[in-house]
N, C-alpha and C. Protein backbone atom coordinates (compact mmCIF):
# COMPACT_ATOMS: atom_id res chain seq x y z
N MET A 1 104.93 82.79 -16.22
CA MET A 1 104.89 83.35 -15.07
C MET A 1 106.77 82.98 -14.59
N ASN A 2 107.20 83.92 -14.00
CA ASN A 2 108.59 83.53 -13.40
C ASN A 2 108.81 83.32 -12.28
N ARG A 3 109.13 81.92 -11.99
CA ARG A 3 109.44 81.36 -10.46
C ARG A 3 110.81 81.97 -9.69
N PRO A 4 110.53 82.34 -8.61
CA PRO A 4 111.97 82.98 -7.68
C PRO A 4 113.01 82.24 -7.67
N THR A 5 113.82 82.87 -7.85
CA THR A 5 115.19 82.08 -7.81
C THR A 5 116.09 82.82 -6.69
N ASN A 6 117.16 81.88 -6.28
CA ASN A 6 118.14 82.06 -5.17
C ASN A 6 119.14 83.04 -5.64
N VAL A 7 120.07 82.86 -4.80
CA VAL A 7 121.28 83.74 -5.22
C VAL A 7 122.00 83.40 -6.17
N HIS A 8 122.10 82.07 -6.42
CA HIS A 8 122.80 81.36 -7.78
C HIS A 8 122.07 81.38 -8.92
N GLY A 9 120.84 81.93 -8.92
CA GLY A 9 120.19 82.02 -10.02
C GLY A 9 119.18 80.81 -10.37
N LEU A 10 119.28 80.00 -9.06
CA LEU A 10 118.68 78.84 -9.32
C LEU A 10 117.01 78.74 -8.50
N PRO A 11 116.16 78.08 -9.27
CA PRO A 11 114.78 78.55 -8.56
C PRO A 11 114.65 77.76 -7.07
N HIS A 12 113.85 78.27 -6.52
CA HIS A 12 113.31 77.37 -5.18
C HIS A 12 113.00 76.45 -5.23
N PRO A 13 113.01 75.07 -4.49
CA PRO A 13 112.15 74.05 -4.57
C PRO A 13 110.64 74.56 -4.07
N PRO A 14 109.87 74.00 -4.87
CA PRO A 14 108.28 74.06 -4.57
C PRO A 14 107.97 73.54 -2.78
N LEU A 15 107.10 74.08 -2.27
CA LEU A 15 106.70 74.03 -0.90
C LEU A 15 106.00 72.68 -0.96
N ALA A 16 105.88 71.84 -0.02
CA ALA A 16 104.98 70.43 0.14
C ALA A 16 104.09 70.88 0.52
N LEU A 17 102.70 70.73 0.30
CA LEU A 17 101.27 70.81 0.84
C LEU A 17 100.74 69.65 0.86
N VAL A 18 100.14 69.66 2.12
CA VAL A 18 99.34 68.57 2.59
C VAL A 18 97.80 68.65 2.38
N GLY A 19 97.05 67.57 1.61
CA GLY A 19 95.55 68.23 1.57
C GLY A 19 95.38 69.62 0.93
N HIS A 20 94.43 70.27 1.38
CA HIS A 20 93.90 71.66 0.74
C HIS A 20 94.59 72.68 1.39
N GLY A 21 96.05 72.92 1.45
CA GLY A 21 96.59 73.88 2.02
C GLY A 21 96.78 73.76 3.72
N THR A 22 96.58 72.58 4.27
CA THR A 22 96.68 72.52 5.52
C THR A 22 97.88 72.28 6.02
N ALA A 23 98.35 72.47 7.33
CA ALA A 23 99.78 71.79 7.99
C ALA A 23 99.79 70.87 8.50
N LYS A 24 100.73 69.96 7.94
CA LYS A 24 100.98 68.50 8.53
C LYS A 24 101.27 68.18 10.22
N HIS A 25 100.37 67.80 10.82
CA HIS A 25 100.46 67.70 12.37
C HIS A 25 101.53 66.91 12.78
N PRO A 26 101.98 66.95 13.85
CA PRO A 26 103.21 66.00 14.08
C PRO A 26 102.77 64.77 14.65
N GLU A 27 103.33 63.83 14.64
CA GLU A 27 102.95 62.61 15.06
C GLU A 27 102.92 62.34 16.75
N PRO A 28 101.85 61.79 17.37
CA PRO A 28 102.16 61.69 18.71
C PRO A 28 103.43 60.92 19.04
N GLY A 29 104.17 61.27 20.22
CA GLY A 29 105.13 60.39 20.51
C GLY A 29 104.94 60.06 22.13
N PRO A 30 105.80 59.82 22.71
CA PRO A 30 105.53 58.74 24.07
C PRO A 30 104.96 59.61 25.26
N PRO A 31 104.21 59.18 26.18
CA PRO A 31 103.90 60.32 27.03
C PRO A 31 104.72 60.79 28.05
N ASP A 32 104.72 62.01 28.38
CA ASP A 32 105.59 62.89 29.05
C ASP A 32 105.37 61.99 30.33
N ALA A 33 106.45 62.16 31.24
CA ALA A 33 106.63 61.56 32.43
C ALA A 33 106.36 62.17 33.46
N THR A 34 106.08 63.75 33.16
CA THR A 34 105.21 64.63 34.17
C THR A 34 103.85 64.49 34.10
N ASP A 35 103.17 64.09 33.15
CA ASP A 35 101.76 63.80 32.94
C ASP A 35 101.03 63.27 34.02
N PRO A 36 100.11 63.56 34.96
CA PRO A 36 99.39 62.63 35.78
C PRO A 36 98.94 61.25 35.36
N PRO A 37 98.92 60.29 35.93
CA PRO A 37 98.36 59.04 35.18
C PRO A 37 96.84 59.07 35.07
N GLU A 38 96.49 58.43 34.08
CA GLU A 38 95.05 58.33 33.61
C GLU A 38 94.28 57.79 34.66
N ASP A 39 93.20 58.13 35.14
CA ASP A 39 92.40 57.68 35.97
C ASP A 39 91.39 56.70 35.94
N ARG A 40 91.84 55.48 35.79
CA ARG A 40 90.72 54.23 35.81
C ARG A 40 89.94 54.08 36.86
N THR A 41 90.08 54.45 37.98
CA THR A 41 89.05 53.95 39.13
C THR A 41 87.83 54.93 39.14
N GLY A 42 87.74 56.27 38.52
CA GLY A 42 86.90 56.88 38.66
C GLY A 42 86.98 57.85 39.85
N GLN A 43 88.04 58.01 40.71
CA GLN A 43 87.99 58.60 41.97
C GLN A 43 88.88 60.13 41.94
N GLY A 44 89.26 60.35 40.74
CA GLY A 44 89.85 61.50 40.59
C GLY A 44 91.54 61.36 40.75
N PRO A 45 92.26 62.25 40.17
CA PRO A 45 93.73 62.07 40.55
C PRO A 45 94.04 62.17 42.06
N GLY A 46 94.90 61.54 42.27
CA GLY A 46 95.66 61.81 43.88
C GLY A 46 95.16 60.82 44.54
N ARG A 47 93.87 60.15 44.27
CA ARG A 47 92.98 59.39 45.50
C ARG A 47 93.27 58.10 45.18
N PRO A 48 94.46 57.38 46.18
CA PRO A 48 94.27 55.92 45.89
C PRO A 48 93.19 55.04 45.93
N ALA A 49 93.21 54.36 45.05
CA ALA A 49 92.11 53.15 44.90
C ALA A 49 91.79 52.46 46.33
N GLY A 50 90.40 52.61 46.72
CA GLY A 50 89.78 51.86 47.65
C GLY A 50 89.69 53.01 48.72
N GLN A 51 90.13 54.06 49.03
CA GLN A 51 90.05 54.86 49.89
C GLN A 51 88.76 55.32 50.19
N ASP A 52 88.41 55.59 51.51
CA ASP A 52 87.06 55.75 51.76
C ASP A 52 86.90 57.47 51.51
N GLU A 53 85.48 57.42 50.62
CA GLU A 53 85.34 59.00 50.16
C GLU A 53 84.95 59.70 51.44
N SER A 54 84.37 59.10 52.78
CA SER A 54 83.71 59.77 53.74
C SER A 54 84.86 59.95 54.96
N ALA A 55 86.28 59.85 54.35
CA ALA A 55 87.19 60.20 55.41
C ALA A 55 87.35 61.79 55.58
N GLY A 56 87.23 62.33 54.69
CA GLY A 56 87.67 63.83 54.48
C GLY A 56 86.31 64.35 54.64
N ARG A 57 85.13 63.92 54.90
CA ARG A 57 83.94 64.69 55.00
C ARG A 57 83.63 65.20 56.29
N PRO A 58 83.11 66.35 56.62
CA PRO A 58 82.64 67.10 57.91
C PRO A 58 81.57 66.05 58.48
N ALA A 59 81.86 65.94 60.04
CA ALA A 59 80.87 65.15 60.77
C ALA A 59 79.33 65.68 60.17
N PRO A 60 78.48 64.62 60.13
CA PRO A 60 76.85 65.25 59.90
C PRO A 60 76.62 66.35 61.11
N PRO A 61 75.66 67.22 60.81
CA PRO A 61 75.18 68.27 61.70
C PRO A 61 74.52 67.55 62.99
N GLU A 62 74.08 66.44 62.59
CA GLU A 62 73.08 65.99 63.93
C GLU A 62 74.38 65.48 64.87
N ALA A 63 75.42 64.78 64.67
CA ALA A 63 76.39 64.48 65.35
C ALA A 63 76.84 65.40 66.11
N VAL A 64 77.24 66.75 65.46
CA VAL A 64 77.86 67.87 66.11
C VAL A 64 76.63 68.49 67.14
N LEU A 65 75.88 68.39 66.65
CA LEU A 65 74.60 68.98 68.02
C LEU A 65 74.65 68.25 69.00
N HIS A 66 74.83 66.84 68.95
CA HIS A 66 74.52 65.81 70.35
C HIS A 66 75.96 65.90 71.05
N ALA A 67 76.76 66.35 70.40
CA ALA A 67 78.26 66.40 71.08
C ALA A 67 78.38 67.90 71.76
N GLU A 68 77.50 68.73 71.10
CA GLU A 68 77.55 70.21 71.89
C GLU A 68 76.64 70.09 73.05
N LEU A 69 75.49 69.23 72.73
CA LEU A 69 74.30 69.12 73.83
C LEU A 69 74.75 68.22 75.11
N ARG A 70 75.54 67.42 74.96
CA ARG A 70 76.31 66.71 76.12
C ARG A 70 77.27 67.40 76.51
N GLU A 71 77.72 68.45 76.11
CA GLU A 71 79.03 69.27 76.68
C GLU A 71 78.13 70.13 77.50
N ARG A 72 77.43 71.15 76.94
CA ARG A 72 76.47 71.71 77.64
C ARG A 72 75.94 70.94 78.71
N THR A 73 75.04 69.91 78.63
CA THR A 73 74.43 69.32 79.69
C THR A 73 75.53 69.11 81.13
N ASP A 74 76.74 68.65 80.63
CA ASP A 74 77.87 68.27 81.77
C ASP A 74 78.38 69.72 82.39
N ASP A 75 78.33 70.84 81.55
CA ASP A 75 78.55 72.03 81.99
C ASP A 75 77.24 72.55 83.34
N LEU A 76 76.15 72.30 82.57
CA LEU A 76 74.97 72.76 83.53
C LEU A 76 74.91 71.92 85.02
N GLN A 77 75.21 70.68 84.66
CA GLN A 77 75.04 69.76 85.87
C GLN A 77 76.63 69.92 86.79
N ARG A 78 77.69 70.51 86.31
CA ARG A 78 79.02 70.72 87.29
C ARG A 78 78.53 72.04 87.95
N LEU A 79 77.78 73.10 87.12
CA LEU A 79 77.60 74.53 87.92
C LEU A 79 76.37 74.09 88.77
N LYS A 80 75.41 73.25 88.53
CA LYS A 80 74.69 73.06 89.64
C LYS A 80 74.99 72.43 91.01
N ALA A 81 75.75 71.33 90.78
CA ALA A 81 76.80 70.72 92.01
C ALA A 81 77.50 71.90 92.69
N GLU A 82 78.14 72.71 91.92
CA GLU A 82 78.55 73.83 92.56
C GLU A 82 77.89 74.61 93.50
N TYR A 83 77.03 75.10 92.92
CA TYR A 83 75.89 76.18 93.32
C TYR A 83 75.37 75.27 94.54
N ASP A 84 75.07 74.13 94.43
CA ASP A 84 74.35 73.51 95.98
C ASP A 84 75.53 73.36 96.97
N ASN A 85 76.75 73.07 96.80
CA ASN A 85 77.90 73.28 97.63
C ASN A 85 77.72 74.58 98.36
N TYR A 86 77.95 75.51 97.41
CA TYR A 86 77.89 76.92 97.96
C TYR A 86 76.84 77.12 98.74
N ARG A 87 75.40 76.73 98.59
CA ARG A 87 74.36 77.01 99.23
C ARG A 87 74.46 76.37 100.70
N LYS A 88 75.09 75.15 100.61
CA LYS A 88 75.08 74.28 102.00
C LYS A 88 76.15 74.95 102.99
N ARG A 89 77.41 75.54 102.06
CA ARG A 89 78.54 76.37 103.02
C ARG A 89 77.72 77.43 103.50
N VAL A 90 76.92 78.46 102.74
CA VAL A 90 76.47 79.28 103.21
C VAL A 90 75.76 78.92 104.15
N HIS A 91 74.69 77.99 104.21
CA HIS A 91 73.89 77.88 105.22
C HIS A 91 74.51 77.31 107.03
N ARG A 92 75.84 76.56 106.52
CA ARG A 92 76.50 76.24 107.53
C ARG A 92 76.94 77.27 108.47
N ASP A 93 77.65 78.46 107.38
CA ASP A 93 78.24 79.71 107.86
C ASP A 93 77.23 80.70 108.84
N ARG A 94 75.89 80.80 108.15
CA ARG A 94 75.25 81.32 108.89
C ARG A 94 74.64 80.64 110.27
N LEU A 95 74.57 79.60 109.90
CA LEU A 95 74.56 78.74 111.38
C LEU A 95 75.48 78.88 112.23
N ALA A 96 76.46 79.20 111.80
CA ALA A 96 77.77 79.33 113.12
C ALA A 96 77.87 80.54 113.42
N VAL A 97 77.67 81.78 112.35
CA VAL A 97 77.56 83.15 112.89
C VAL A 97 76.37 83.33 114.20
N GLY A 98 75.18 82.58 113.73
CA GLY A 98 73.80 82.91 114.55
C GLY A 98 74.46 82.45 116.05
N GLU A 99 75.06 80.90 116.11
CA GLU A 99 75.43 80.30 117.27
C GLU A 99 76.64 81.34 118.03
N ILE A 100 77.35 81.59 117.59
CA ILE A 100 78.31 82.59 118.14
C ILE A 100 77.54 84.18 118.58
N ALA A 101 76.65 84.66 117.59
CA ALA A 101 76.19 85.61 118.60
C ALA A 101 75.23 85.30 119.51
N VAL A 102 74.43 84.15 119.80
CA VAL A 102 73.83 83.85 120.71
C VAL A 102 74.68 83.37 122.13
N ALA A 103 75.44 82.88 121.52
CA ALA A 103 76.33 82.31 122.70
C ALA A 103 77.27 83.58 123.28
N ASN A 104 77.65 84.81 122.75
CA ASN A 104 78.04 85.76 123.46
C ASN A 104 77.05 86.51 124.20
N VAL A 105 75.68 86.89 123.75
CA VAL A 105 74.89 87.42 124.82
C VAL A 105 74.60 86.62 125.55
N LEU A 106 74.17 85.09 125.75
CA LEU A 106 73.98 84.45 127.03
C LEU A 106 75.08 84.61 127.99
N SER A 107 76.32 84.47 127.32
CA SER A 107 77.41 84.54 128.24
C SER A 107 77.45 85.50 129.29
N ARG A 108 76.92 86.86 128.59
CA ARG A 108 76.86 88.20 129.44
C ARG A 108 75.50 88.16 130.69
N LEU A 109 74.66 87.05 130.29
CA LEU A 109 73.81 86.82 131.25
C LEU A 109 74.08 86.04 132.30
N LEU A 110 75.17 85.20 132.21
CA LEU A 110 75.36 83.96 133.36
C LEU A 110 75.69 84.66 134.55
N PRO A 111 76.30 85.69 134.92
CA PRO A 111 76.33 86.29 136.29
C PRO A 111 75.00 86.77 136.79
N VAL A 112 73.63 86.85 135.88
CA VAL A 112 72.60 87.33 136.35
C VAL A 112 71.79 85.96 136.90
N LEU A 113 72.28 84.86 136.18
CA LEU A 113 71.77 83.43 136.53
C LEU A 113 72.06 82.92 137.63
N ASP A 114 73.78 83.43 137.91
CA ASP A 114 74.40 83.11 139.29
C ASP A 114 73.67 83.79 140.63
N SER A 115 73.16 84.81 140.20
CA SER A 115 72.86 86.01 141.32
C SER A 115 71.20 85.57 141.67
N LEU A 116 70.45 84.77 140.50
CA LEU A 116 69.15 84.43 141.13
C LEU A 116 69.36 83.29 141.61
N ALA A 117 70.19 82.22 141.21
CA ALA A 117 70.67 80.90 141.87
C ALA A 117 70.59 81.11 143.43
N GLU A 118 71.65 81.93 143.88
CA GLU A 118 71.91 82.03 145.27
C GLU A 118 71.05 82.89 145.80
N ALA A 119 70.29 83.83 145.05
CA ALA A 119 68.97 84.40 145.88
C ALA A 119 67.86 83.24 146.45
N THR A 120 67.71 82.33 145.24
CA THR A 120 66.65 81.39 145.33
C THR A 120 67.29 80.33 146.35
N ALA A 121 68.37 80.05 146.70
CA ALA A 121 69.19 79.19 147.50
C ALA A 121 68.82 79.58 148.99
N ARG A 122 68.99 81.13 149.28
CA ARG A 122 68.64 81.69 150.41
C ARG A 122 67.17 81.78 150.71
N GLY A 123 66.41 81.63 149.78
CA GLY A 123 65.19 81.57 149.91
C GLY A 123 64.36 82.96 149.80
N GLU A 124 65.52 83.97 149.09
CA GLU A 124 65.09 85.34 148.86
C GLU A 124 64.16 85.89 147.74
N VAL A 125 64.01 84.74 146.79
CA VAL A 125 63.23 84.79 145.70
C VAL A 125 61.88 83.94 146.06
N THR A 126 60.90 84.84 146.05
CA THR A 126 59.44 84.19 146.28
C THR A 126 58.38 85.00 145.68
N GLY A 127 57.20 84.43 145.57
CA GLY A 127 56.10 85.28 144.96
C GLY A 127 56.26 85.37 143.32
N GLY A 128 56.03 87.09 143.13
CA GLY A 128 56.02 87.33 141.67
C GLY A 128 57.41 86.95 140.92
N PHE A 129 58.59 87.30 142.00
CA PHE A 129 59.99 87.18 141.54
C PHE A 129 60.14 85.78 141.16
N ALA A 130 59.68 84.69 141.90
CA ALA A 130 60.14 83.30 141.45
C ALA A 130 59.73 83.12 140.28
N ARG A 131 58.50 83.48 139.91
CA ARG A 131 57.74 83.24 138.81
C ARG A 131 58.68 83.99 137.58
N ILE A 132 59.15 85.22 137.84
CA ILE A 132 59.55 86.15 136.63
C ILE A 132 61.19 85.10 136.49
N ALA A 133 61.91 84.78 137.60
CA ALA A 133 62.84 84.05 137.32
C ALA A 133 63.07 82.79 136.77
N GLU A 134 61.69 82.18 136.95
CA GLU A 134 61.45 80.86 136.25
C GLU A 134 61.33 81.41 134.81
N GLU A 135 60.57 82.43 134.29
CA GLU A 135 60.29 82.81 132.77
C GLU A 135 61.54 82.88 132.21
N LEU A 136 62.56 83.53 132.80
CA LEU A 136 63.73 83.84 132.56
C LEU A 136 64.68 82.63 132.03
N ARG A 137 64.42 81.60 132.98
CA ARG A 137 65.27 80.19 132.52
C ARG A 137 64.71 79.78 131.43
N THR A 138 63.26 79.82 131.41
CA THR A 138 62.68 79.26 130.31
C THR A 138 62.96 79.97 128.85
N GLU A 139 63.13 81.14 128.81
CA GLU A 139 63.18 81.50 127.61
C GLU A 139 64.61 81.58 127.34
N LEU A 140 65.53 81.57 128.31
CA LEU A 140 66.93 81.53 127.77
C LEU A 140 67.13 80.23 127.11
N GLY A 141 66.55 79.00 127.77
CA GLY A 141 66.53 77.61 127.37
C GLY A 141 66.13 77.51 125.82
N THR A 142 65.10 78.39 125.51
CA THR A 142 64.68 78.21 123.79
C THR A 142 65.67 78.94 123.23
N LEU A 143 66.75 79.20 123.46
CA LEU A 143 67.86 80.22 122.80
C LEU A 143 68.77 79.22 122.92
N GLY A 144 68.47 78.03 123.31
CA GLY A 144 69.64 76.71 123.42
C GLY A 144 70.35 76.72 124.38
N LEU A 145 70.12 77.55 125.62
CA LEU A 145 71.10 77.32 126.83
C LEU A 145 70.64 76.31 127.49
N GLN A 146 71.77 75.43 128.18
CA GLN A 146 71.95 74.06 128.70
C GLN A 146 72.56 74.43 129.91
N ALA A 147 71.81 73.80 131.16
CA ALA A 147 72.98 73.94 132.49
C ALA A 147 73.67 72.63 132.56
N ILE A 148 74.90 72.73 133.16
CA ILE A 148 75.58 71.65 133.06
C ILE A 148 76.05 71.31 134.52
N GLY A 149 76.07 70.23 134.99
CA GLY A 149 76.48 69.95 136.55
C GLY A 149 75.04 69.39 137.41
N ALA A 150 75.37 68.35 138.04
CA ALA A 150 74.19 67.84 139.11
C ALA A 150 75.38 66.75 139.75
N VAL A 151 74.39 66.75 140.99
CA VAL A 151 75.12 65.72 141.94
C VAL A 151 75.13 64.44 141.78
N GLY A 152 76.40 63.65 141.50
CA GLY A 152 76.18 62.17 141.37
C GLY A 152 76.54 62.17 139.67
N ASP A 153 76.85 63.23 138.96
CA ASP A 153 77.39 63.20 137.61
C ASP A 153 78.61 62.52 137.69
N PRO A 154 79.28 61.54 137.06
CA PRO A 154 80.35 61.07 136.81
C PRO A 154 81.44 62.26 136.50
N PHE A 155 82.64 62.46 136.68
CA PHE A 155 83.32 63.73 136.80
C PHE A 155 83.89 63.60 135.19
N ASP A 156 83.98 64.86 134.48
CA ASP A 156 84.07 65.09 133.06
C ASP A 156 85.19 66.19 132.97
N PRO A 157 86.52 66.05 132.87
CA PRO A 157 87.24 67.17 132.73
C PRO A 157 87.14 68.09 131.71
N LEU A 158 86.09 67.78 130.43
CA LEU A 158 85.83 68.34 129.29
C LEU A 158 84.54 69.53 130.01
N ILE A 159 83.84 68.99 130.83
CA ILE A 159 82.53 70.25 131.24
C ILE A 159 82.90 70.33 132.72
N HIS A 160 83.63 69.92 133.54
CA HIS A 160 83.50 70.13 134.85
C HIS A 160 85.00 70.50 135.33
N GLU A 161 84.84 71.37 136.49
CA GLU A 161 86.08 72.02 136.85
C GLU A 161 85.97 71.51 138.28
N ALA A 162 86.94 70.43 138.67
CA ALA A 162 87.36 70.18 139.98
C ALA A 162 87.85 71.16 141.23
N ILE A 163 87.03 71.66 141.86
CA ILE A 163 87.63 72.79 142.99
C ILE A 163 88.17 71.95 143.92
N THR A 164 87.61 70.69 144.52
CA THR A 164 88.12 70.08 145.65
C THR A 164 87.92 68.73 145.10
N TYR A 165 88.86 67.66 146.08
CA TYR A 165 88.78 66.25 145.45
C TYR A 165 88.63 65.63 146.66
N THR A 166 87.75 64.53 147.24
CA THR A 166 87.96 64.06 148.31
C THR A 166 88.05 62.49 148.17
N PRO A 167 89.14 61.75 148.43
CA PRO A 167 89.39 60.38 148.25
C PRO A 167 88.39 59.64 149.36
N THR A 168 88.02 58.53 148.70
CA THR A 168 86.64 57.56 149.42
C THR A 168 86.97 56.24 148.63
N ASP A 169 86.59 54.97 149.42
CA ASP A 169 86.79 53.76 148.89
C ASP A 169 85.51 53.55 148.47
N ARG A 170 84.34 54.59 149.01
CA ARG A 170 83.11 54.20 148.43
C ARG A 170 82.70 54.53 146.95
N LEU A 171 83.32 54.96 146.34
CA LEU A 171 83.05 55.05 145.01
C LEU A 171 84.09 54.59 143.83
N GLU A 172 83.74 53.93 143.21
CA GLU A 172 84.73 53.22 142.00
C GLU A 172 85.28 54.24 141.05
N GLN A 173 84.45 55.22 140.66
CA GLN A 173 85.18 56.41 139.90
C GLN A 173 84.69 57.57 140.66
N ALA A 174 85.60 59.07 139.96
CA ALA A 174 85.51 60.37 140.54
C ALA A 174 83.90 60.81 140.19
N THR A 175 83.28 61.25 141.11
CA THR A 175 81.91 61.67 141.17
C THR A 175 81.64 62.80 141.70
N CYS A 176 80.77 63.66 140.80
CA CYS A 176 80.55 65.00 141.48
C CYS A 176 79.64 64.94 142.60
N THR A 177 80.33 65.60 143.77
CA THR A 177 79.39 65.29 144.89
C THR A 177 78.63 66.77 145.36
N GLU A 178 79.43 67.80 145.09
CA GLU A 178 78.40 68.88 145.09
C GLU A 178 78.79 69.92 143.95
N VAL A 179 77.93 70.89 143.74
CA VAL A 179 77.87 71.69 142.27
C VAL A 179 77.96 73.28 142.78
N LEU A 180 79.03 73.62 143.00
CA LEU A 180 79.77 75.07 143.47
C LEU A 180 79.25 76.10 142.58
N ARG A 181 79.12 75.97 141.32
CA ARG A 181 78.69 76.72 140.31
C ARG A 181 78.30 76.05 139.25
N MET A 182 77.12 76.58 138.62
CA MET A 182 76.67 75.94 137.48
C MET A 182 77.17 76.12 135.90
N GLY A 183 77.41 75.11 135.11
CA GLY A 183 78.06 75.36 134.07
C GLY A 183 76.87 75.62 132.85
N TYR A 184 77.37 76.06 131.79
CA TYR A 184 76.29 76.24 130.74
C TYR A 184 76.89 75.89 129.36
N ARG A 185 76.02 75.59 128.43
CA ARG A 185 76.52 75.55 127.02
C ARG A 185 75.35 75.85 126.24
N VAL A 186 75.65 76.12 125.03
CA VAL A 186 74.84 76.21 123.92
C VAL A 186 75.22 75.30 122.73
N GLY A 187 74.15 74.45 122.64
CA GLY A 187 74.64 73.22 121.51
C GLY A 187 76.17 72.30 121.92
N ASP A 188 76.83 72.22 121.04
CA ASP A 188 77.88 71.81 121.43
C ASP A 188 79.37 72.90 121.95
N ARG A 189 78.62 74.05 121.93
CA ARG A 189 79.84 75.14 122.44
C ARG A 189 79.36 75.37 123.96
N LEU A 190 80.62 75.00 124.52
CA LEU A 190 80.73 75.33 126.17
C LEU A 190 81.18 76.85 126.31
N LEU A 191 80.05 77.54 127.18
CA LEU A 191 80.23 78.63 127.96
C LEU A 191 80.93 78.47 129.08
N ARG A 192 80.63 77.83 129.86
CA ARG A 192 81.63 77.91 131.03
C ARG A 192 81.52 76.58 131.55
N PRO A 193 82.92 75.75 131.99
CA PRO A 193 82.30 74.34 132.63
C PRO A 193 81.72 74.64 134.20
N ALA A 194 81.29 73.62 134.65
CA ALA A 194 80.77 73.78 136.17
C ALA A 194 81.61 73.51 137.13
N GLN A 195 81.30 74.41 138.11
CA GLN A 195 82.65 73.94 139.48
C GLN A 195 82.28 73.23 140.10
N VAL A 196 82.63 72.03 140.35
CA VAL A 196 82.17 71.00 141.51
C VAL A 196 83.09 70.39 142.63
N ALA A 197 82.56 69.67 143.36
CA ALA A 197 83.33 68.97 144.70
C ALA A 197 83.36 67.53 143.63
N VAL A 198 84.70 67.05 144.14
CA VAL A 198 84.53 65.70 143.36
C VAL A 198 85.03 64.58 144.54
N ALA A 199 84.78 63.23 144.79
CA ALA A 199 85.01 62.13 145.79
C ALA A 199 85.47 61.15 144.62
N GLY A 200 86.28 60.33 144.88
CA GLY A 200 86.73 59.02 144.35
C GLY A 200 87.75 58.42 145.21
N GLU A 201 88.12 57.28 144.07
CA GLU A 201 89.45 56.51 144.64
C GLU A 201 90.33 57.31 145.07
N PRO A 202 91.22 56.90 145.96
CA PRO A 202 92.40 57.59 146.33
C PRO A 202 93.51 57.36 145.46
N PRO A 203 94.39 58.52 145.11
CA PRO A 203 95.36 57.95 144.19
C PRO A 203 96.19 57.25 144.39
N ALA A 204 96.80 56.58 143.29
CA ALA A 204 97.77 55.60 143.17
C ALA A 204 98.89 55.97 144.25
N GLY A 205 99.37 54.79 145.01
CA GLY A 205 100.22 55.27 145.72
C GLY A 205 100.34 55.96 147.51
N ALA A 206 98.90 56.48 147.30
CA ALA A 206 98.47 57.05 148.39
C ALA A 206 98.42 56.34 149.90
């Protein structure tokens, strides 16, 4: 059998074979610097030794539910407080509107009460008319109408209107000596002051 020759007519050297025709594997070299270090802690690559595995875990469902429940409870309590304040404010507003409406109606009836008082003082209201006049005063009182002004009351400029003033040494403070026209109020709302005659100490330097 003729062996293959090269261009010079010389035979090619035989190929080196290892084993039964298998290629020879390269010998292992030093580890590459880019290869990740071998994990000897059992925690996987990139995790420092001793790091808590639960740090990256989501919160348990129970904790999330409790947090949401507290948040919703706080919201409900806040809404309830706001609603209670709203109800109180509406109630106060309704009372105020009702008092204003009653006060406006009663203010229009004050001249009628003045006429009845004058007629009663002259003795013109007798019999059935006197009974009707008394019932009218009673019904107006149920609406909150209160009369202001009586002889002997200390003078109060907030509810009294002094028409006359008589100096005297017999009184230590200004006192109503005569009621010229009754005053009226509804609750704390003054409808009109009482017109009175006042007597008291002489003014300083008089």
